[in-house]
Amino acid sequence: MRQIELPSRIESVDEAAMMADEYAKSCGCSDEITFAVDLAIRESVANAVKHGNKFDESKTVHLTLHDKPDGFEITVRDFGTGFSVEDIPDPTDAENLLKANGRGILFMRSFMDEVEWENPADGGLKVKMLKKR
């Protein structure tokens, strides 16, 4: 398992993706898993920095990478105000097709096999994702 703490700035997206790529490859993950992890990391860390922590560098983004027997697990946590996933408009509805919001959630659900959101008691938002082997 690898735990990473990142500052709330946009450069952290590439940093997180590079570290996840290295770790996934060192664990022997396939190209398919590594590709899915890259996309999920980029989207979730970008959301944590931009929407969660609102670029507040006094807040960090916590990233956990865990190679498990059933797959590769990613957890991304911000320390913003949190939100409910159900409140985000479905980007596939006709009325939302031209809106920019909600696509990241769709991407994460598309590329990962399991995606769960949680609002921890001490604030923020935590997303846990699994790409099965």
C-alpha atoms as a PDB file:
ATOM      1  CA  MET A   1       0.000   0.000   0.000  1.00  0.00           C
ATOM      2  CA  ARG A   2       1.159   3.518  -0.758  1.00  0.00           C
ATOM      3  CA  GLN A   3      -0.152   6.680   0.904  1.00  0.00           C
ATOM      4  CA  ILE A   4       0.463  10.085  -0.638  1.00  0.00           C
ATOM      5  CA  GLU A   5      -0.366  13.583   0.563  1.00  0.00           C
ATOM      6  CA  LEU A   6      -0.687  16.222  -2.137  1.00  0.00           C
ATOM      7  CA  PRO A   7      -1.088  20.003  -2.051  1.00  0.00           C
ATOM      8  CA  SER A   8      -4.316  21.499  -3.419  1.00  0.00           C
ATOM      9  CA  ARG A   9      -2.935  22.735  -6.707  1.00  0.00           C
ATOM     10  CA  ILE A  10      -3.571  21.575 -10.253  1.00  0.00           C
ATOM     11  CA  GLU A  11      -0.001  20.227 -10.656  1.00  0.00           C
ATOM     12  CA  SER A  12      -0.930  17.549  -8.116  1.00  0.00           C
ATOM     13  CA  VAL A  13      -3.070  15.846 -10.768  1.00  0.00           C
ATOM     14  CA  ASP A  14      -0.041  14.925 -12.905  1.00  0.00           C
ATOM     15  CA  GLU A  15       2.011  14.091  -9.806  1.00  0.00           C
ATOM     16  CA  ALA A  16      -0.660  11.706  -8.564  1.00  0.00           C
ATOM     17  CA  ALA A  17      -1.024  10.085 -11.985  1.00  0.00           C
ATOM     18  CA  MET A  18       2.735   9.507 -12.314  1.00  0.00           C
ATOM     19  CA  MET A  19       3.010   8.001  -8.813  1.00  0.00           C
ATOM     20  CA  ALA A  20      -0.027   5.781  -9.390  1.00  0.00           C
ATOM     21  CA  ASP A  21       1.372   4.613 -12.735  1.00  0.00           C
ATOM     22  CA  GLU A  22       4.718   3.702 -11.185  1.00  0.00           C
ATOM     23  CA  TYR A  23       3.083   1.910  -8.268  1.00  0.00           C
ATOM     24  CA  ALA A  24       0.589   0.001 -10.443  1.00  0.00           C
ATOM     25  CA  LYS A  25       3.360  -1.157 -12.772  1.00  0.00           C
ATOM     26  CA  SER A  26       5.559  -2.187  -9.832  1.00  0.00           C
ATOM     27  CA  CYS A  27       2.648  -4.335  -8.611  1.00  0.00           C
ATOM     28  CA  GLY A  28       2.431  -6.062 -11.995  1.00  0.00           C
ATOM     29  CA  CYS A  29      -0.869  -4.503 -13.064  1.00  0.00           C
ATOM     30  CA  SER A  30      -1.884  -4.967 -16.682  1.00  0.00           C
ATOM     31  CA  ASP A  31      -1.991  -2.107 -19.182  1.00  0.00           C
ATOM     32  CA  GLU A  32      -5.804  -2.161 -18.942  1.00  0.00           C
ATOM     33  CA  ILE A  33      -5.728  -1.654 -15.168  1.00  0.00           C
ATOM     34  CA  THR A  34      -2.978   0.975 -15.387  1.00  0.00           C
ATOM     35  CA  PHE A  35      -4.958   2.936 -18.010  1.00  0.00           C
ATOM     36  CA  ALA A  36      -8.167   2.855 -15.950  1.00  0.00           C
ATOM     37  CA  VAL A  37      -6.287   3.863 -12.794  1.00  0.00           C
ATOM     38  CA  ASP A  38      -4.668   6.788 -14.627  1.00  0.00           C
ATOM     39  CA  LEU A  39      -8.006   8.182 -15.777  1.00  0.00           C
ATOM     40  CA  ALA A  40      -9.677   7.659 -12.397  1.00  0.00           C
ATOM     41  CA  ILE A  41      -6.773   9.275 -10.529  1.00  0.00           C
ATOM     42  CA  ARG A  42      -6.690  12.295 -12.831  1.00  0.00           C
ATOM     43  CA  GLU A  43     -10.414  12.902 -12.517  1.00  0.00           C
ATOM     44  CA  SER A  44     -10.741  12.278  -8.782  1.00  0.00           C
ATOM     45  CA  VAL A  45      -7.656  14.294  -7.771  1.00  0.00           C
ATOM     46  CA  ALA A  46      -8.700  17.169 -10.065  1.00  0.00           C
ATOM     47  CA  ASN A  47     -12.143  17.147  -8.428  1.00  0.00           C
ATOM     48  CA  ALA A  48     -10.607  17.063  -4.941  1.00  0.00           C
ATOM     49  CA  VAL A  49      -8.293  19.993  -5.694  1.00  0.00           C
ATOM     50  CA  LYS A  50     -10.807  22.118  -7.616  1.00  0.00           C
ATOM     51  CA  HIS A  51     -14.245  21.344  -6.181  1.00  0.00           C
ATOM     52  CA  GLY A  52     -13.366  19.895  -2.781  1.00  0.00           C
ATOM     53  CA  ASN A  53     -10.503  21.969  -1.452  1.00  0.00           C
ATOM     54  CA  LYS A  54     -11.142  24.867  -3.879  1.00  0.00           C
ATOM     55  CA  PHE A  55      -7.394  25.274  -4.537  1.00  0.00           C
ATOM     56  CA  ASP A  56      -6.852  26.081  -0.826  1.00  0.00           C
ATOM     57  CA  GLU A  57      -3.225  25.044  -0.302  1.00  0.00           C
ATOM     58  CA  SER A  58      -3.747  24.916   3.469  1.00  0.00           C
ATOM     59  CA  LYS A  59      -5.804  21.772   2.700  1.00  0.00           C
ATOM     60  CA  THR A  60      -4.311  18.594   1.277  1.00  0.00           C
ATOM     61  CA  VAL A  61      -5.555  15.740  -0.870  1.00  0.00           C
ATOM     62  CA  HIS A  62      -4.896  12.280   0.541  1.00  0.00           C
ATOM     63  CA  LEU A  63      -4.352   9.499  -1.967  1.00  0.00           C
ATOM     64  CA  THR A  64      -4.083   5.826  -1.068  1.00  0.00           C
ATOM     65  CA  LEU A  65      -3.082   3.172  -3.609  1.00  0.00           C
ATOM     66  CA  HIS A  66      -3.589  -0.431  -2.604  1.00  0.00           C
ATOM     67  CA  ASP A  67      -2.807  -3.532  -4.647  1.00  0.00           C
ATOM     68  CA  LYS A  68      -5.264  -6.131  -3.373  1.00  0.00           C
ATOM     69  CA  PRO A  69      -5.854  -9.738  -4.422  1.00  0.00           C
ATOM     70  CA  ASP A  70      -9.152  -8.807  -6.120  1.00  0.00           C
ATOM     71  CA  GLY A  71      -7.895  -5.645  -7.831  1.00  0.00           C
ATOM     72  CA  PHE A  72      -6.295  -2.237  -7.537  1.00  0.00           C
ATOM     73  CA  GLU A  73      -7.939   0.123  -5.054  1.00  0.00           C
ATOM     74  CA  ILE A  74      -7.682   3.910  -5.018  1.00  0.00           C
ATOM     75  CA  THR A  75      -8.932   6.215  -2.292  1.00  0.00           C
ATOM     76  CA  VAL A  76      -8.907   9.997  -2.758  1.00  0.00           C
ATOM     77  CA  ARG A  77      -9.910  12.325   0.051  1.00  0.00           C
ATOM     78  CA  ASP A  78     -10.288  16.077   0.189  1.00  0.00           C
ATOM     79  CA  PHE A  79     -11.043  18.313   3.151  1.00  0.00           C
ATOM     80  CA  GLY A  80     -13.594  20.674   1.619  1.00  0.00           C
ATOM     81  CA  THR A  81     -17.287  20.992   2.424  1.00  0.00           C
ATOM     82  CA  GLY A  82     -18.267  17.677   0.822  1.00  0.00           C
ATOM     83  CA  PHE A  83     -21.314  17.022  -1.322  1.00  0.00           C
ATOM     84  CA  SER A  84     -23.824  14.351  -2.216  1.00  0.00           C
ATOM     85  CA  VAL A  85     -23.243  12.504  -5.477  1.00  0.00           C
ATOM     86  CA  GLU A  86     -27.015  12.286  -5.925  1.00  0.00           C
ATOM     87  CA  ASP A  87     -27.128  16.103  -6.237  1.00  0.00           C
ATOM     88  CA  ILE A  88     -24.938  16.100  -9.365  1.00  0.00           C
ATOM     89  CA  PRO A  89     -26.999  16.157 -12.579  1.00  0.00           C
ATOM     90  CA  ASP A  90     -26.727  13.063 -14.787  1.00  0.00           C
ATOM     91  CA  PRO A  91     -24.631  14.195 -17.780  1.00  0.00           C
ATOM     92  CA  THR A  92     -26.323  11.616 -20.033  1.00  0.00           C
ATOM     93  CA  ASP A  93     -29.790  13.201 -19.609  1.00  0.00           C
ATOM     94  CA  ALA A  94     -30.748  15.199 -22.700  1.00  0.00           C
ATOM     95  CA  GLU A  95     -31.112  18.421 -20.711  1.00  0.00           C
ATOM     96  CA  ASN A  96     -27.566  18.075 -19.331  1.00  0.00           C
ATOM     97  CA  LEU A  97     -25.653  17.073 -22.462  1.00  0.00           C
ATOM     98  CA  LEU A  98     -24.040  20.483 -22.897  1.00  0.00           C
ATOM     99  CA  LYS A  99     -23.265  21.029 -19.214  1.00  0.00           C
ATOM    100  CA  ALA A 100     -19.693  20.469 -18.022  1.00  0.00           C
ATOM    101  CA  ASN A 101     -20.583  19.237 -14.518  1.00  0.00           C
ATOM    102  CA  GLY A 102     -20.979  15.565 -13.663  1.00  0.00           C
ATOM    103  CA  ARG A 103     -18.789  14.098 -16.370  1.00  0.00           C
ATOM    104  CA  GLY A 104     -16.003  13.175 -13.958  1.00  0.00           C
ATOM    105  CA  ILE A 105     -18.336  10.945 -11.973  1.00  0.00           C
ATOM    106  CA  LEU A 106     -19.471   9.304 -15.213  1.00  0.00           C
ATOM    107  CA  PHE A 107     -15.822   8.714 -16.245  1.00  0.00           C
ATOM    108  CA  MET A 108     -14.885   7.205 -12.879  1.00  0.00           C
ATOM    109  CA  ARG A 109     -17.880   4.875 -12.997  1.00  0.00           C
ATOM    110  CA  SER A 110     -17.054   3.923 -16.605  1.00  0.00           C
ATOM    111  CA  PHE A 111     -13.401   3.046 -16.064  1.00  0.00           C
ATOM    112  CA  MET A 112     -13.530   1.528 -12.580  1.00  0.00           C
ATOM    113  CA  ASP A 113     -15.539  -1.515 -11.492  1.00  0.00           C
ATOM    114  CA  GLU A 114     -16.616  -0.092  -8.136  1.00  0.00           C
ATOM    115  CA  VAL A 115     -16.941   3.549  -7.033  1.00  0.00           C
ATOM    116  CA  GLU A 116     -18.191   4.685  -3.622  1.00  0.00           C
ATOM    117  CA  TRP A 117     -18.459   8.156  -2.106  1.00  0.00           C
ATOM    118  CA  GLU A 118     -18.442   8.942   1.581  1.00  0.00           C
ATOM    119  CA  ASN A 119     -18.674  12.158   3.595  1.00  0.00           C
ATOM    120  CA  PRO A 120     -16.394  11.514   6.619  1.00  0.00           C
ATOM    121  CA  ALA A 121     -17.592  12.872   9.970  1.00  0.00           C
ATOM    122  CA  ASP A 122     -14.652  15.276  10.147  1.00  0.00           C
ATOM    123  CA  GLY A 123     -15.507  16.844   6.769  1.00  0.00           C
ATOM    124  CA  GLY A 124     -14.571  16.565   3.152  1.00  0.00           C
ATOM    125  CA  LEU A 125     -15.300  13.839   0.662  1.00  0.00           C
ATOM    126  CA  LYS A 126     -13.727  10.439   0.159  1.00  0.00           C
ATOM    127  CA  VAL A 127     -14.038   8.440  -3.036  1.00  0.00           C
ATOM    128  CA  LYS A 128     -12.982   4.805  -3.080  1.00  0.00           C
ATOM    129  CA  MET A 129     -12.574   3.023  -6.410  1.00  0.00           C
ATOM    130  CA  LEU A 130     -11.638  -0.516  -7.381  1.00  0.00           C
ATOM    131  CA  LYS A 131     -10.451  -1.863 -10.710  1.00  0.00           C
ATOM    132  CA  LYS A 132     -10.848  -5.644 -10.622  1.00  0.00           C
ATOM    133  CA  ARG A 133      -8.227  -8.015 -11.991  1.00  0.00           C
END
